[in-house]
Protein backbone atom coordinates (compact mmCIF):
# COMPACT_ATOMS: atom_id res chain seq x y z
CA UNK A 1 -7.65 1.90 3.13
CA UNK A 2 -7.06 -0.89 5.63
CA UNK A 3 -10.16 -2.71 4.41
CA UNK A 4 -9.01 -2.40 0.84
CA UNK A 5 -5.61 -3.94 1.81
CA UNK A 6 -7.35 -6.86 3.41
CA UNK A 7 -9.30 -7.60 0.15
CA UNK A 8 -6.24 -7.23 -2.00
CA UNK A 9 -4.36 -9.59 0.29
CA UNK A 10 -7.17 -12.09 -0.02
CA UNK A 11 -6.58 -11.99 -3.80
CA UNK A 12 -2.88 -13.06 -3.13
CA UNK A 13 -1.20 -9.59 -3.47
CA UNK A 14 0.90 -8.40 -0.61
CA UNK A 15 0.09 -4.92 0.76
CA UNK A 16 1.43 -2.43 3.34
CA UNK A 17 -0.89 0.31 4.63
CA UNK A 18 0.88 3.58 5.34
CA UNK A 19 -1.15 5.22 8.08
CA UNK A 20 -1.36 8.62 9.70
CA UNK A 21 -4.37 7.50 11.84
CA UNK A 22 -3.10 4.99 14.34
CA UNK A 23 -6.36 4.62 16.23
CA UNK A 24 -8.29 3.68 13.07
CA UNK A 25 -5.56 1.42 11.79
CA UNK A 26 -5.57 -0.49 15.11
CA UNK A 27 -9.30 -1.05 14.71
CA UNK A 28 -9.28 -2.07 11.03
CA UNK A 29 -6.16 -4.31 11.36
CA UNK A 30 -4.78 -4.31 7.80
CA UNK A 31 -2.32 -7.19 7.10
CA UNK A 32 0.71 -4.87 7.56
CA UNK A 33 0.75 -1.27 8.56
CA UNK A 34 3.35 1.37 8.99
CA UNK A 35 2.24 4.29 11.18
CA UNK A 36 3.70 7.68 10.66
CA UNK A 37 3.03 10.40 13.19
CA UNK A 38 2.77 12.90 10.34
CA UNK A 39 0.13 15.35 9.23
CA UNK A 40 -2.66 13.60 7.27
CA UNK A 41 -1.82 13.37 3.55
CA UNK A 42 1.94 13.17 4.19
CA UNK A 43 2.27 9.42 4.54
CA UNK A 44 5.61 9.40 2.60
CA UNK A 45 6.94 12.44 4.39
CA UNK A 46 7.32 16.09 3.49
CA UNK A 47 7.05 17.22 -0.13
CA UNK A 48 10.36 17.08 -1.94
CA UNK A 49 12.12 15.11 0.88
CA UNK A 50 13.29 12.36 -1.47
CA UNK A 51 15.54 10.84 1.09
CA UNK A 52 12.84 10.35 3.73
CA UNK A 53 10.40 9.15 1.06
CA UNK A 54 12.93 6.55 -0.07
CA UNK A 55 13.50 5.39 3.54
CA UNK A 56 9.75 4.93 4.03
CA UNK A 57 9.28 3.10 0.76
CA UNK A 58 12.20 0.69 1.58
CA UNK A 59 10.76 0.09 5.08
CA UNK A 60 7.43 -0.65 3.63
CA UNK A 61 8.88 -3.17 1.15
CA UNK A 62 10.90 -4.73 3.92
CA UNK A 63 7.72 -5.37 5.83
CA UNK A 64 6.31 -7.42 2.93
CA UNK A 65 9.29 -9.81 3.45
CA UNK A 66 9.32 -9.74 7.29
CA UNK A 67 5.71 -9.73 8.46
CA UNK A 68 4.00 -13.13 8.39
CA UNK A 69 1.27 -12.53 10.95
CA UNK A 70 -1.72 -10.35 9.98
CA UNK A 71 -2.57 -7.22 11.76
CA UNK A 72 1.04 -6.04 12.44
CA UNK A 73 1.35 -2.33 13.12
CA UNK A 74 4.86 -0.84 13.15
CA UNK A 75 5.57 2.70 14.30
CA UNK A 76 7.92 4.75 11.97
CA UNK A 77 10.81 5.87 14.13
CA UNK A 78 11.28 9.36 12.61
CA UNK A 79 9.37 12.38 13.56
CA UNK A 80 7.82 15.18 11.47
CA UNK A 81 10.42 18.04 11.12
CA UNK A 82 8.00 20.78 12.32
CA UNK A 83 5.51 20.81 15.11
CA UNK A 84 1.90 20.24 13.99
CA UNK A 85 -1.48 19.74 15.65
CA UNK A 86 -4.32 17.46 14.52
CA UNK A 87 -7.77 19.02 14.18
CA UNK A 88 -9.88 17.08 16.62
CA UNK A 89 -13.18 18.24 15.26
CA UNK A 90 -13.68 20.58 18.17
CA UNK A 91 -12.99 24.28 18.04
CA UNK A 92 -10.90 25.67 20.93
CA UNK A 93 -12.87 27.98 23.06
CA UNK A 94 -11.82 31.63 23.15
CA UNK A 95 -10.56 32.25 26.67
């Protein structure tokens, strides 16, 4: 998605990439990124959590106004309400 953001920016349209993969976002360096330490696919927060979704949208739009230097990555300050674990691609060994 970050590469798409860069192409869209080159066309003169401001973008903000909402990311749940910080390491990849750091490598691609979209023009503006907001990293959420949330499970993949939940970039705007939990389903039906309209209040959090609204806060995320407002922060994203605020970044369009604030960020003037490309490649800026901001960490979202709120945490996911439940504990979760990313699948690393490796199975845990049965001990």
